[in-house]
Amino acid sequence: MPKSQTVPCKINELCILADDIIKVMLRIPPNTNFNFIPGQYIDLISPSGTKRSYSIANNVTNNIIELHVKKVKNGSFSAYWFENAKIDDLLRLHGPHGTFFLREDTKENIIFLATGTGIAPIKAILESIDISSMKNIESVNIIWGGRNKCDLYLDHFDKKININYIPVLSKPSSDWKGKIGYVQNI
């Protein structure tokens, strides 16, 4: 397990994924040895000292960490991300944390359930799966839910492995042809 540490980071990129979701790309100094397992999360500390936890949404790559941040009404960190954050802003992160990751001895069928930005750590895990390590895995299933279609802000998943993707909406428009309800019921 990688050891948690506090390190500086800067905003490398900000990209709106949906009206209430922003992708944040953080860069860690190149001389920093920050390791994580895809599926883990970090605590991010804003310039004002506010601390929030965010799942890492990418595989280990060139000291870049991807986060998917949901706008929360009256959220102090949300206001920062959606109104004030700028490229090269200096922040601190502490982590990694968490035990949600794919184990080396995983066998047979994998089923991931997620709603909203809960898809972020699953995206990271999928990016990290090597086809050669899939010899014991029969299938990978993702059931991702939201209220409306715009909540399903990713339009594709890494296709180096075969994925059965089932989108689910709890309050769909009349033209929705997919599953209706909640992920745990599907």
Foldseek 3Di string as FASTA:
>chain_A
DDDKDKFKWWFADWADLFPFKIKTKIAGPQVDDDDDAQLWWKWKQAPVGDTDIFHFQAADDRRITITIDGQDVVDPVNCCNPPPGDGGHMIMIIDGDDDPADDLPDAEEAEAEEEARRCRSVLHRQNPDDPVSCPRYDAYEYEYEYAEPSSVRDPDGDVPDDYHYAYEHAHYDPPDPGHYDHSVVD
